[in-house]
Amino acid sequence: LSEFGVTLPEGTRVRVWDSTAEVRYLVLP
């Protein structure tokens, strides 16, 4: 994320979702 220019507050956790042929994800920012 930092390489993309995104720095999050320390208290914000990051959850990574693994997209597959069975399920695809869209983030609602």
mmCIF file of all heavy atoms, coordinates in Angstrom:
data_MODEL
# 
_entry.id   MODEL 
# 
loop_
_atom_site.group_PDB 
_atom_site.id 
_atom_site.type_symbol 
_atom_site.label_atom_id 
_atom_site.label_alt_id 
_atom_site.label_comp_id 
_atom_site.label_asym_id 
_atom_site.label_entity_id 
_atom_site.label_seq_id 
_atom_site.pdbx_PDB_ins_code 
_atom_site.Cartn_x 
_atom_site.Cartn_y 
_atom_site.Cartn_z 
_atom_site.occupancy 
_atom_site.B_iso_or_equiv 
_atom_site.pdbx_formal_charge 
_atom_site.auth_seq_id 
_atom_site.auth_comp_id 
_atom_site.auth_asym_id 
_atom_site.auth_atom_id 
_atom_site.pdbx_PDB_model_num 
ATOM 1   N N   . LEU A 1 1  ? 0.823   -1.206  0.000   1.00 0.00 ? 1  LEU A N   1 
ATOM 2   C CA  . LEU A 1 1  ? 0.000   0.000   0.000   1.00 0.00 ? 1  LEU A CA  1 
ATOM 3   C C   . LEU A 1 1  ? 0.860   1.260   0.000   1.00 0.00 ? 1  LEU A C   1 
ATOM 4   O O   . LEU A 1 1  ? 0.559   2.235   -0.692  1.00 0.00 ? 1  LEU A O   1 
ATOM 5   C CB  . LEU A 1 1  ? -0.931  0.000   1.212   1.00 0.00 ? 1  LEU A CB  1 
ATOM 6   C CG  . LEU A 1 1  ? -2.107  -0.978  1.155   1.00 0.00 ? 1  LEU A CG  1 
ATOM 7   C CD1 . LEU A 1 1  ? -2.861  -0.991  2.483   1.00 0.00 ? 1  LEU A CD1 1 
ATOM 8   C CD2 . LEU A 1 1  ? -3.058  -0.610  0.025   1.00 0.00 ? 1  LEU A CD2 1 
ATOM 9   N N   . SER A 1 2  ? 1.944   1.238   0.764   1.00 0.00 ? 2  SER A N   1 
ATOM 10  C CA  . SER A 1 2  ? 2.816   2.410   0.814   1.00 0.00 ? 2  SER A CA  1 
ATOM 11  C C   . SER A 1 2  ? 3.442   2.698   -0.543  1.00 0.00 ? 2  SER A C   1 
ATOM 12  O O   . SER A 1 2  ? 3.660   3.853   -0.913  1.00 0.00 ? 2  SER A O   1 
ATOM 13  C CB  . SER A 1 2  ? 3.898   2.226   1.879   1.00 0.00 ? 2  SER A CB  1 
ATOM 14  O OG  . SER A 1 2  ? 4.830   1.225   1.489   1.00 0.00 ? 2  SER A OG  1 
ATOM 15  N N   . GLU A 1 3  ? 3.707   1.635   -1.309  1.00 0.00 ? 3  GLU A N   1 
ATOM 16  C CA  . GLU A 1 3  ? 4.261   1.820   -2.643  1.00 0.00 ? 3  GLU A CA  1 
ATOM 17  C C   . GLU A 1 3  ? 3.232   2.416   -3.598  1.00 0.00 ? 3  GLU A C   1 
ATOM 18  O O   . GLU A 1 3  ? 3.593   3.022   -4.610  1.00 0.00 ? 3  GLU A O   1 
ATOM 19  C CB  . GLU A 1 3  ? 4.791   0.490   -3.167  1.00 0.00 ? 3  GLU A CB  1 
ATOM 20  C CG  . GLU A 1 3  ? 6.015   0.000   -2.401  1.00 0.00 ? 3  GLU A CG  1 
ATOM 21  C CD  . GLU A 1 3  ? 6.360   -1.450  -2.704  1.00 0.00 ? 3  GLU A CD  1 
ATOM 22  O OE1 . GLU A 1 3  ? 5.797   -2.012  -3.667  1.00 0.00 ? 3  GLU A OE1 1 
ATOM 23  O OE2 . GLU A 1 3  ? 7.189   -2.013  -1.963  1.00 0.00 ? 3  GLU A OE2 1 
ATOM 24  N N   . PHE A 1 4  ? 1.961   2.243   -3.288  1.00 0.00 ? 4  PHE A N   1 
ATOM 25  C CA  . PHE A 1 4  ? 0.892   2.878   -4.056  1.00 0.00 ? 4  PHE A CA  1 
ATOM 26  C C   . PHE A 1 4  ? 0.571   4.271   -3.513  1.00 0.00 ? 4  PHE A C   1 
ATOM 27  O O   . PHE A 1 4  ? -0.347  4.929   -4.000  1.00 0.00 ? 4  PHE A O   1 
ATOM 28  C CB  . PHE A 1 4  ? -0.375  2.022   -4.021  1.00 0.00 ? 4  PHE A CB  1 
ATOM 29  C CG  . PHE A 1 4  ? -0.380  0.888   -5.015  1.00 0.00 ? 4  PHE A CG  1 
ATOM 30  C CD1 . PHE A 1 4  ? 0.081   -0.365  -4.653  1.00 0.00 ? 4  PHE A CD1 1 
ATOM 31  C CD2 . PHE A 1 4  ? -0.850  1.074   -6.302  1.00 0.00 ? 4  PHE A CD2 1 
ATOM 32  C CE1 . PHE A 1 4  ? 0.079   -1.420  -5.558  1.00 0.00 ? 4  PHE A CE1 1 
ATOM 33  C CE2 . PHE A 1 4  ? -0.863  0.032   -7.210  1.00 0.00 ? 4  PHE A CE2 1 
ATOM 34  C CZ  . PHE A 1 4  ? -0.394  -1.221  -6.845  1.00 0.00 ? 4  PHE A CZ  1 
ATOM 35  N N   . GLY A 1 5  ? 1.280   4.687   -2.476  1.00 0.00 ? 5  GLY A N   1 
ATOM 36  C CA  . GLY A 1 5  ? 1.054   6.006   -1.902  1.00 0.00 ? 5  GLY A CA  1 
ATOM 37  C C   . GLY A 1 5  ? -0.027  6.047   -0.844  1.00 0.00 ? 5  GLY A C   1 
ATOM 38  O O   . GLY A 1 5  ? -0.531  7.119   -0.511  1.00 0.00 ? 5  GLY A O   1 
ATOM 39  N N   . VAL A 1 6  ? -0.394  4.890   -0.303  1.00 0.00 ? 6  VAL A N   1 
ATOM 40  C CA  . VAL A 1 6  ? -1.448  4.817   0.712   1.00 0.00 ? 6  VAL A CA  1 
ATOM 41  C C   . VAL A 1 6  ? -0.822  4.514   2.063   1.00 0.00 ? 6  VAL A C   1 
ATOM 42  O O   . VAL A 1 6  ? -0.205  3.464   2.252   1.00 0.00 ? 6  VAL A O   1 
ATOM 43  C CB  . VAL A 1 6  ? -2.488  3.734   0.361   1.00 0.00 ? 6  VAL A CB  1 
ATOM 44  C CG1 . VAL A 1 6  ? -3.527  3.623   1.478   1.00 0.00 ? 6  VAL A CG1 1 
ATOM 45  C CG2 . VAL A 1 6  ? -3.155  4.030   -0.965  1.00 0.00 ? 6  VAL A CG2 1 
ATOM 46  N N   . THR A 1 7  ? -0.976  5.430   3.000   1.00 0.00 ? 7  THR A N   1 
ATOM 47  C CA  . THR A 1 7  ? -0.512  5.230   4.366   1.00 0.00 ? 7  THR A CA  1 
ATOM 48  C C   . THR A 1 7  ? -1.721  5.269   5.286   1.00 0.00 ? 7  THR A C   1 
ATOM 49  O O   . THR A 1 7  ? -2.434  6.275   5.334   1.00 0.00 ? 7  THR A O   1 
ATOM 50  C CB  . THR A 1 7  ? 0.492   6.311   4.786   1.00 0.00 ? 7  THR A CB  1 
ATOM 51  O OG1 . THR A 1 7  ? 1.606   6.301   3.871   1.00 0.00 ? 7  THR A OG1 1 
ATOM 52  C CG2 . THR A 1 7  ? 0.998   6.075   6.201   1.00 0.00 ? 7  THR A CG2 1 
ATOM 53  N N   . LEU A 1 8  ? -1.944  4.196   6.005   1.00 0.00 ? 8  LEU A N   1 
ATOM 54  C CA  . LEU A 1 8  ? -3.116  4.082   6.862   1.00 0.00 ? 8  LEU A CA  1 
ATOM 55  C C   . LEU A 1 8  ? -2.755  4.387   8.310   1.00 0.00 ? 8  LEU A C   1 
ATOM 56  O O   . LEU A 1 8  ? -1.613  4.201   8.733   1.00 0.00 ? 8  LEU A O   1 
ATOM 57  C CB  . LEU A 1 8  ? -3.689  2.667   6.781   1.00 0.00 ? 8  LEU A CB  1 
ATOM 58  C CG  . LEU A 1 8  ? -4.138  2.195   5.392   1.00 0.00 ? 8  LEU A CG  1 
ATOM 59  C CD1 . LEU A 1 8  ? -4.511  0.718   5.461   1.00 0.00 ? 8  LEU A CD1 1 
ATOM 60  C CD2 . LEU A 1 8  ? -5.315  3.021   4.900   1.00 0.00 ? 8  LEU A CD2 1 
ATOM 61  N N   . PRO A 1 9  ? -3.736  4.846   9.087   1.00 0.00 ? 9  PRO A N   1 
ATOM 62  C CA  . PRO A 1 9  ? -3.485  5.037   10.529  1.00 0.00 ? 9  PRO A CA  1 
ATOM 63  C C   . PRO A 1 9  ? -3.081  3.713   11.176  1.00 0.00 ? 9  PRO A C   1 
ATOM 64  O O   . PRO A 1 9  ? -3.496  2.633   10.739  1.00 0.00 ? 9  PRO A O   1 
ATOM 65  C CB  . PRO A 1 9  ? -4.842  5.522   11.053  1.00 0.00 ? 9  PRO A CB  1 
ATOM 66  C CG  . PRO A 1 9  ? -5.547  6.084   9.857   1.00 0.00 ? 9  PRO A CG  1 
ATOM 67  C CD  . PRO A 1 9  ? -5.090  5.266   8.685   1.00 0.00 ? 9  PRO A CD  1 
ATOM 68  N N   . GLU A 1 10 ? -2.299  3.787   12.213  1.00 0.00 ? 10 GLU A N   1 
ATOM 69  C CA  . GLU A 1 10 ? -1.812  2.583   12.890  1.00 0.00 ? 10 GLU A CA  1 
ATOM 70  C C   . GLU A 1 10 ? -2.957  1.689   13.364  1.00 0.00 ? 10 GLU A C   1 
ATOM 71  O O   . GLU A 1 10 ? -2.855  0.466   13.373  1.00 0.00 ? 10 GLU A O   1 
ATOM 72  C CB  . GLU A 1 10 ? -0.937  2.972   14.079  1.00 0.00 ? 10 GLU A CB  1 
ATOM 73  C CG  . GLU A 1 10 ? 0.439   3.481   13.688  1.00 0.00 ? 10 GLU A CG  1 
ATOM 74  C CD  . GLU A 1 10 ? 1.279   2.414   13.017  1.00 0.00 ? 10 GLU A CD  1 
ATOM 75  O OE1 . GLU A 1 10 ? 1.138   1.228   13.372  1.00 0.00 ? 10 GLU A OE1 1 
ATOM 76  O OE2 . GLU A 1 10 ? 2.076   2.761   12.126  1.00 0.00 ? 10 GLU A OE2 1 
ATOM 77  N N   . GLY A 1 11 ? -4.062  2.302   13.762  1.00 0.00 ? 11 GLY A N   1 
ATOM 78  C CA  . GLY A 1 11 ? -5.171  1.521   14.300  1.00 0.00 ? 11 GLY A CA  1 
ATOM 79  C C   . GLY A 1 11 ? -6.049  0.871   13.253  1.00 0.00 ? 11 GLY A C   1 
ATOM 80  O O   . GLY A 1 11 ? -6.967  0.117   13.607  1.00 0.00 ? 11 GLY A O   1 
ATOM 81  N N   . THR A 1 12 ? -5.785  1.123   11.990  1.00 0.00 ? 12 THR A N   1 
ATOM 82  C CA  . THR A 1 12 ? -6.596  0.532   10.920  1.00 0.00 ? 12 THR A CA  1 
ATOM 83  C C   . THR A 1 12 ? -5.961  -0.782  10.481  1.00 0.00 ? 12 THR A C   1 
ATOM 84  O O   . THR A 1 12 ? -4.827  -0.812  10.029  1.00 0.00 ? 12 THR A O   1 
ATOM 85  C CB  . THR A 1 12 ? -6.698  1.480   9.718   1.00 0.00 ? 12 THR A CB  1 
ATOM 86  O OG1 . THR A 1 12 ? -7.280  2.722   10.133  1.00 0.00 ? 12 THR A OG1 1 
ATOM 87  C CG2 . THR A 1 12 ? -7.566  0.861   8.623   1.00 0.00 ? 12 THR A CG2 1 
ATOM 88  N N   . ARG A 1 13 ? -6.705  -1.862  10.625  1.00 0.00 ? 13 ARG A N   1 
ATOM 89  C CA  . ARG A 1 13 ? -6.185  -3.155  10.178  1.00 0.00 ? 13 ARG A CA  1 
ATOM 90  C C   . ARG A 1 13 ? -6.416  -3.302  8.671   1.00 0.00 ? 13 ARG A C   1 
ATOM 91  O O   . ARG A 1 13 ? -7.314  -2.689  8.092   1.00 0.00 ? 13 ARG A O   1 
ATOM 92  C CB  . ARG A 1 13 ? -6.849  -4.308  10.940  1.00 0.00 ? 13 ARG A CB  1 
ATOM 93  C CG  . ARG A 1 13 ? -8.334  -4.460  10.706  1.00 0.00 ? 13 ARG A CG  1 
ATOM 94  C CD  . ARG A 1 13 ? -8.905  -5.627  11.521  1.00 0.00 ? 13 ARG A CD  1 
ATOM 95  N NE  . ARG A 1 13 ? -10.351 -5.739  11.357  1.00 0.00 ? 13 ARG A NE  1 
ATOM 96  C CZ  . ARG A 1 13 ? -11.250 -5.104  12.100  1.00 0.00 ? 13 ARG A CZ  1 
ATOM 97  N NH1 . ARG A 1 13 ? -10.834 -4.295  13.079  1.00 0.00 ? 13 ARG A NH1 1 
ATOM 98  N NH2 . ARG A 1 13 ? -12.543 -5.255  11.892  1.00 0.00 ? 13 ARG A NH2 1 
ATOM 99  N N   . VAL A 1 14 ? -5.603  -4.138  8.059   1.00 0.00 ? 14 VAL A N   1 
ATOM 100 C CA  . VAL A 1 14 ? -5.718  -4.403  6.621   1.00 0.00 ? 14 VAL A CA  1 
ATOM 101 C C   . VAL A 1 14 ? -6.178  -5.841  6.439   1.00 0.00 ? 14 VAL A C   1 
ATOM 102 O O   . VAL A 1 14 ? -5.562  -6.763  6.983   1.00 0.00 ? 14 VAL A O   1 
ATOM 103 C CB  . VAL A 1 14 ? -4.376  -4.181  5.888   1.00 0.00 ? 14 VAL A CB  1 
ATOM 104 C CG1 . VAL A 1 14 ? -4.536  -4.494  4.406   1.00 0.00 ? 14 VAL A CG1 1 
ATOM 105 C CG2 . VAL A 1 14 ? -3.897  -2.746  6.081   1.00 0.00 ? 14 VAL A CG2 1 
ATOM 106 N N   . ARG A 1 15 ? -7.246  -6.005  5.680   1.00 0.00 ? 15 ARG A N   1 
ATOM 107 C CA  . ARG A 1 15 ? -7.710  -7.357  5.347   1.00 0.00 ? 15 ARG A CA  1 
ATOM 108 C C   . ARG A 1 15 ? -7.562  -7.567  3.851   1.00 0.00 ? 15 ARG A C   1 
ATOM 109 O O   . ARG A 1 15 ? -8.024  -6.747  3.041   1.00 0.00 ? 15 ARG A O   1 
ATOM 110 C CB  . ARG A 1 15 ? -9.165  -7.570  5.758   1.00 0.00 ? 15 ARG A CB  1 
ATOM 111 C CG  . ARG A 1 15 ? -9.654  -8.968  5.370   1.00 0.00 ? 15 ARG A CG  1 
ATOM 112 C CD  . ARG A 1 15 ? -10.899 -9.391  6.084   1.00 0.00 ? 15 ARG A CD  1 
ATOM 113 N NE  . ARG A 1 15 ? -11.260 -10.763 5.724   1.00 0.00 ? 15 ARG A NE  1 
ATOM 114 C CZ  . ARG A 1 15 ? -12.318 -11.408 6.183   1.00 0.00 ? 15 ARG A CZ  1 
ATOM 115 N NH1 . ARG A 1 15 ? -13.128 -10.821 7.063   1.00 0.00 ? 15 ARG A NH1 1 
ATOM 116 N NH2 . ARG A 1 15 ? -12.583 -12.639 5.791   1.00 0.00 ? 15 ARG A NH2 1 
ATOM 117 N N   . VAL A 1 16 ? -6.904  -8.652  3.471   1.00 0.00 ? 16 VAL A N   1 
ATOM 118 C CA  . VAL A 1 16 ? -6.669  -8.979  2.067   1.00 0.00 ? 16 VAL A CA  1 
ATOM 119 C C   . VAL A 1 16 ? -7.644  -10.070 1.650   1.00 0.00 ? 16 VAL A C   1 
ATOM 120 O O   . VAL A 1 16 ? -7.729  -11.127 2.292   1.00 0.00 ? 16 VAL A O   1 
ATOM 121 C CB  . VAL A 1 16 ? -5.212  -9.437  1.835   1.00 0.00 ? 16 VAL A CB  1 
ATOM 122 C CG1 . VAL A 1 16 ? -4.990  -9.784  0.371   1.00 0.00 ? 16 VAL A CG1 1 
ATOM 123 C CG2 . VAL A 1 16 ? -4.240  -8.353  2.290   1.00 0.00 ? 16 VAL A CG2 1 
ATOM 124 N N   . TRP A 1 17 ? -8.365  -9.817  0.552   1.00 0.00 ? 17 TRP A N   1 
ATOM 125 C CA  . TRP A 1 17 ? -9.338  -10.760 0.024   1.00 0.00 ? 17 TRP A CA  1 
ATOM 126 C C   . TRP A 1 17 ? -8.770  -11.391 -1.241  1.00 0.00 ? 17 TRP A C   1 
ATOM 127 O O   . TRP A 1 17 ? -8.301  -10.693 -2.136  1.00 0.00 ? 17 TRP A O   1 
ATOM 128 C CB  . TRP A 1 17 ? -10.648 -10.043 -0.291  1.00 0.00 ? 17 TRP A CB  1 
ATOM 129 C CG  . TRP A 1 17 ? -11.275 -9.373  0.890   1.00 0.00 ? 17 TRP A CG  1 
ATOM 130 C CD1 . TRP A 1 17 ? -10.984 -8.132  1.370   1.00 0.00 ? 17 TRP A CD1 1 
ATOM 131 C CD2 . TRP A 1 17 ? -12.291 -9.907  1.742   1.00 0.00 ? 17 TRP A CD2 1 
ATOM 132 N NE1 . TRP A 1 17 ? -11.745 -7.842  2.476   1.00 0.00 ? 17 TRP A NE1 1 
ATOM 133 C CE2 . TRP A 1 17 ? -12.568 -8.917  2.721   1.00 0.00 ? 17 TRP A CE2 1 
ATOM 134 C CE3 . TRP A 1 17 ? -12.990 -11.110 1.772   1.00 0.00 ? 17 TRP A CE3 1 
ATOM 135 C CZ2 . TRP A 1 17 ? -13.524 -9.111  3.714   1.00 0.00 ? 17 TRP A CZ2 1 
ATOM 136 C CZ3 . TRP A 1 17 ? -13.948 -11.294 2.759   1.00 0.00 ? 17 TRP A CZ3 1 
ATOM 137 C CH2 . TRP A 1 17 ? -14.207 -10.309 3.716   1.00 0.00 ? 17 TRP A CH2 1 
ATOM 138 N N   . ASP A 1 18 ? -8.856  -12.714 -1.311  1.00 0.00 ? 18 ASP A N   1 
ATOM 139 C CA  . ASP A 1 18 ? -8.303  -13.456 -2.445  1.00 0.00 ? 18 ASP A CA  1 
ATOM 140 C C   . ASP A 1 18 ? -9.415  -13.736 -3.463  1.00 0.00 ? 18 ASP A C   1 
ATOM 141 O O   . ASP A 1 18 ? -10.299 -14.564 -3.237  1.00 0.00 ? 18 ASP A O   1 
ATOM 142 C CB  . ASP A 1 18 ? -7.676  -14.774 -1.958  1.00 0.00 ? 18 ASP A CB  1 
ATOM 143 C CG  . ASP A 1 18 ? -6.811  -15.441 -3.018  1.00 0.00 ? 18 ASP A CG  1 
ATOM 144 O OD1 . ASP A 1 18 ? -6.720  -14.907 -4.136  1.00 0.00 ? 18 ASP A OD1 1 
ATOM 145 O OD2 . ASP A 1 18 ? -6.220  -16.496 -2.710  1.00 0.00 ? 18 ASP A OD2 1 
ATOM 146 N N   . SER A 1 19 ? -9.366  -13.029 -4.567  1.00 0.00 ? 19 SER A N   1 
ATOM 147 C CA  . SER A 1 19 ? -10.364 -13.184 -5.613  1.00 0.00 ? 19 SER A CA  1 
ATOM 148 C C   . SER A 1 19 ? -10.137 -14.490 -6.369  1.00 0.00 ? 19 SER A C   1 
ATOM 149 O O   . SER A 1 19 ? -9.001  -14.869 -6.631  1.00 0.00 ? 19 SER A O   1 
ATOM 150 C CB  . SER A 1 19 ? -10.282 -11.997 -6.579  1.00 0.00 ? 19 SER A CB  1 
ATOM 151 O OG  . SER A 1 19 ? -11.317 -12.029 -7.527  1.00 0.00 ? 19 SER A OG  1 
ATOM 152 N N   . THR A 1 20 ? -11.228 -15.173 -6.714  1.00 0.00 ? 20 THR A N   1 
ATOM 153 C CA  . THR A 1 20 ? -11.144 -16.433 -7.440  1.00 0.00 ? 20 THR A CA  1 
ATOM 154 C C   . THR A 1 20 ? -12.251 -16.484 -8.486  1.00 0.00 ? 20 THR A C   1 
ATOM 155 O O   . THR A 1 20 ? -13.061 -15.559 -8.606  1.00 0.00 ? 20 THR A O   1 
ATOM 156 C CB  . THR A 1 20 ? -11.311 -17.642 -6.491  1.00 0.00 ? 20 THR A CB  1 
ATOM 157 O OG1 . THR A 1 20 ? -12.666 -17.657 -6.006  1.00 0.00 ? 20 THR A OG1 1 
ATOM 158 C CG2 . THR A 1 20 ? -10.348 -17.577 -5.318  1.00 0.00 ? 20 THR A CG2 1 
ATOM 159 N N   . ALA A 1 21 ? -12.312 -17.576 -9.232  1.00 0.00 ? 21 ALA A N   1 
ATOM 160 C CA  . ALA A 1 21 ? -13.391 -17.758 -10.198 1.00 0.00 ? 21 ALA A CA  1 
ATOM 161 C C   . ALA A 1 21 ? -14.727 -17.930 -9.495  1.00 0.00 ? 21 ALA A C   1 
ATOM 162 O O   . ALA A 1 21 ? -15.785 -17.692 -10.089 1.00 0.00 ? 21 ALA A O   1 
ATOM 163 C CB  . ALA A 1 21 ? -13.105 -18.974 -11.080 1.00 0.00 ? 21 ALA A CB  1 
ATOM 164 N N   . GLU A 1 22 ? -14.699 -18.344 -8.202  1.00 0.00 ? 22 GLU A N   1 
ATOM 165 C CA  . GLU A 1 22 ? -15.935 -18.553 -7.456  1.00 0.00 ? 22 GLU A CA  1 
ATOM 166 C C   . GLU A 1 22 ? -16.443 -17.276 -6.802  1.00 0.00 ? 22 GLU A C   1 
ATOM 167 O O   . GLU A 1 22 ? -17.626 -17.151 -6.510  1.00 0.00 ? 22 GLU A O   1 
ATOM 168 C CB  . GLU A 1 22 ? -15.719 -19.614 -6.371  1.00 0.00 ? 22 GLU A CB  1 
ATOM 169 C CG  . GLU A 1 22 ? -15.686 -21.042 -6.892  1.00 0.00 ? 22 GLU A CG  1 
ATOM 170 C CD  . GLU A 1 22 ? -14.411 -21.348 -7.663  1.00 0.00 ? 22 GLU A CD  1 
ATOM 171 O OE1 . GLU A 1 22 ? -13.345 -20.864 -7.237  1.00 0.00 ? 22 GLU A OE1 1 
ATOM 172 O OE2 . GLU A 1 22 ? -14.494 -22.057 -8.676  1.00 0.00 ? 22 GLU A OE2 1 
ATOM 173 N N   . VAL A 1 23 ? -15.556 -16.339 -6.516  1.00 0.00 ? 23 VAL A N   1 
ATOM 174 C CA  . VAL A 1 23 ? -15.978 -15.091 -5.884  1.00 0.00 ? 23 VAL A CA  1 
ATOM 175 C C   . VAL A 1 23 ? -15.003 -13.979 -6.244  1.00 0.00 ? 23 VAL A C   1 
ATOM 176 O O   . VAL A 1 23 ? -13.786 -14.166 -6.197  1.00 0.00 ? 23 VAL A O   1 
ATOM 177 C CB  . VAL A 1 23 ? -16.091 -15.248 -4.343  1.00 0.00 ? 23 VAL A CB  1 
ATOM 178 C CG1 . VAL A 1 23 ? -14.776 -15.690 -3.745  1.00 0.00 ? 23 VAL A CG1 1 
ATOM 179 C CG2 . VAL A 1 23 ? -16.591 -13.975 -3.695  1.00 0.00 ? 23 VAL A CG2 1 
ATOM 180 N N   . ARG A 1 24 ? -15.561 -12.841 -6.636  1.00 0.00 ? 24 ARG A N   1 
ATOM 181 C CA  . ARG A 1 24 ? -14.748 -11.664 -6.965  1.00 0.00 ? 24 ARG A CA  1 
ATOM 182 C C   . ARG A 1 24 ? -15.182 -10.516 -6.059  1.00 0.00 ? 24 ARG A C   1 
ATOM 183 O O   . ARG A 1 24 ? -16.355 -10.428 -5.687  1.00 0.00 ? 24 ARG A O   1 
ATOM 184 C CB  . ARG A 1 24 ? -14.918 -11.282 -8.435  1.00 0.00 ? 24 ARG A CB  1 
ATOM 185 C CG  . ARG A 1 24 ? -14.382 -12.339 -9.386  1.00 0.00 ? 24 ARG A CG  1 
ATOM 186 C CD  . ARG A 1 24 ? -14.695 -11.994 -10.837 1.00 0.00 ? 24 ARG A CD  1 
ATOM 187 N NE  . ARG A 1 24 ? -14.163 -12.994 -11.748 1.00 0.00 ? 24 ARG A NE  1 
ATOM 188 C CZ  . ARG A 1 24 ? -14.776 -14.130 -12.060 1.00 0.00 ? 24 ARG A CZ  1 
ATOM 189 N NH1 . ARG A 1 24 ? -15.953 -14.399 -11.528 1.00 0.00 ? 24 ARG A NH1 1 
ATOM 190 N NH2 . ARG A 1 24 ? -14.226 -14.988 -12.886 1.00 0.00 ? 24 ARG A NH2 1 
ATOM 191 N N   . TYR A 1 25 ? -14.251 -9.637  -5.752  1.00 0.00 ? 25 TYR A N   1 
ATOM 192 C CA  . TYR A 1 25 ? -14.511 -8.603  -4.769  1.00 0.00 ? 25 TYR A CA  1 
ATOM 193 C C   . TYR A 1 25 ? -14.420 -7.203  -5.378  1.00 0.00 ? 25 TYR A C   1 
ATOM 194 O O   . TYR A 1 25 ? -13.624 -6.942  -6.288  1.00 0.00 ? 25 TYR A O   1 
ATOM 195 C CB  . TYR A 1 25 ? -13.510 -8.701  -3.617  1.00 0.00 ? 25 TYR A CB  1 
ATOM 196 C CG  . TYR A 1 25 ? -13.615 -9.989  -2.851  1.00 0.00 ? 25 TYR A CG  1 
ATOM 197 C CD1 . TYR A 1 25 ? -12.798 -11.076 -3.166  1.00 0.00 ? 25 TYR A CD1 1 
ATOM 198 C CD2 . TYR A 1 25 ? -14.539 -10.133 -1.820  1.00 0.00 ? 25 TYR A CD2 1 
ATOM 199 C CE1 . TYR A 1 25 ? -12.895 -12.264 -2.476  1.00 0.00 ? 25 TYR A CE1 1 
ATOM 200 C CE2 . TYR A 1 25 ? -14.640 -11.336 -1.120  1.00 0.00 ? 25 TYR A CE2 1 
ATOM 201 C CZ  . TYR A 1 25 ? -13.818 -12.390 -1.457  1.00 0.00 ? 25 TYR A CZ  1 
ATOM 202 O OH  . TYR A 1 25 ? -13.912 -13.578 -0.778  1.00 0.00 ? 25 TYR A OH  1 
ATOM 203 N N   . LEU A 1 26 ? -15.248 -6.325  -4.834  1.00 0.00 ? 26 LEU A N   1 
ATOM 204 C CA  . LEU A 1 26 ? -15.169 -4.891  -5.120  1.00 0.00 ? 26 LEU A CA  1 
ATOM 205 C C   . LEU A 1 26 ? -15.091 -4.175  -3.785  1.00 0.00 ? 26 LEU A C   1 
ATOM 206 O O   . LEU A 1 26 ? -15.903 -4.428  -2.891  1.00 0.00 ? 26 LEU A O   1 
ATOM 207 C CB  . LEU A 1 26 ? -16.407 -4.414  -5.889  1.00 0.00 ? 26 LEU A CB  1 
ATOM 208 C CG  . LEU A 1 26 ? -16.429 -2.911  -6.210  1.00 0.00 ? 26 LEU A CG  1 
ATOM 209 C CD1 . LEU A 1 26 ? -15.516 -2.610  -7.407  1.00 0.00 ? 26 LEU A CD1 1 
ATOM 210 C CD2 . LEU A 1 26 ? -17.849 -2.443  -6.507  1.00 0.00 ? 26 LEU A CD2 1 
ATOM 211 N N   . VAL A 1 27 ? -14.115 -3.304  -3.632  1.00 0.00 ? 27 VAL A N   1 
ATOM 212 C CA  . VAL A 1 27 ? -13.975 -2.533  -2.401  1.00 0.00 ? 27 VAL A CA  1 
ATOM 213 C C   . VAL A 1 27 ? -14.858 -1.289  -2.495  1.00 0.00 ? 27 VAL A C   1 
ATOM 214 O O   . VAL A 1 27 ? -14.826 -0.565  -3.493  1.00 0.00 ? 27 VAL A O   1 
ATOM 215 C CB  . VAL A 1 27 ? -12.510 -2.129  -2.166  1.00 0.00 ? 27 VAL A CB  1 
ATOM 216 C CG1 . VAL A 1 27 ? -12.396 -1.190  -0.962  1.00 0.00 ? 27 VAL A CG1 1 
ATOM 217 C CG2 . VAL A 1 27 ? -11.638 -3.364  -1.959  1.00 0.00 ? 27 VAL A CG2 1 
ATOM 218 N N   . LEU A 1 28 ? -15.651 -1.075  -1.452  1.00 0.00 ? 28 LEU A N   1 
ATOM 219 C CA  . LEU A 1 28 ? -16.413 0.162   -1.320  1.00 0.00 ? 28 LEU A CA  1 
ATOM 220 C C   . LEU A 1 28 ? -15.585 1.108   -0.456  1.00 0.00 ? 28 LEU A C   1 
ATOM 221 O O   . LEU A 1 28 ? -15.539 0.960   0.767   1.00 0.00 ? 28 LEU A O   1 
ATOM 222 C CB  . LEU A 1 28 ? -17.770 -0.118  -0.675  1.00 0.00 ? 28 LEU A CB  1 
ATOM 223 C CG  . LEU A 1 28 ? -18.654 1.088   -0.360  1.00 0.00 ? 28 LEU A CG  1 
ATOM 224 C CD1 . LEU A 1 28 ? -18.977 1.870   -1.630  1.00 0.00 ? 28 LEU A CD1 1 
ATOM 225 C CD2 . LEU A 1 28 ? -19.927 0.642   0.345   1.00 0.00 ? 28 LEU A CD2 1 
ATOM 226 N N   . PRO A 1 29 ? -14.900 2.070   -1.061  1.00 0.00 ? 29 PRO A N   1 
ATOM 227 C CA  . PRO A 1 29 ? -14.027 2.954   -0.270  1.00 0.00 ? 29 PRO A CA  1 
ATOM 228 C C   . PRO A 1 29 ? -14.843 3.909   0.594   1.00 0.00 ? 29 PRO A C   1 
ATOM 229 O O   . PRO A 1 29 ? -16.040 4.106   0.377   1.00 0.00 ? 29 PRO A O   1 
ATOM 230 C CB  . PRO A 1 29 ? -13.230 3.711   -1.338  1.00 0.00 ? 29 PRO A CB  1 
ATOM 231 C CG  . PRO A 1 29 ? -14.093 3.663   -2.561  1.00 0.00 ? 29 PRO A CG  1 
ATOM 232 C CD  . PRO A 1 29 ? -14.861 2.388   -2.492  1.00 0.00 ? 29 PRO A CD  1 
# 
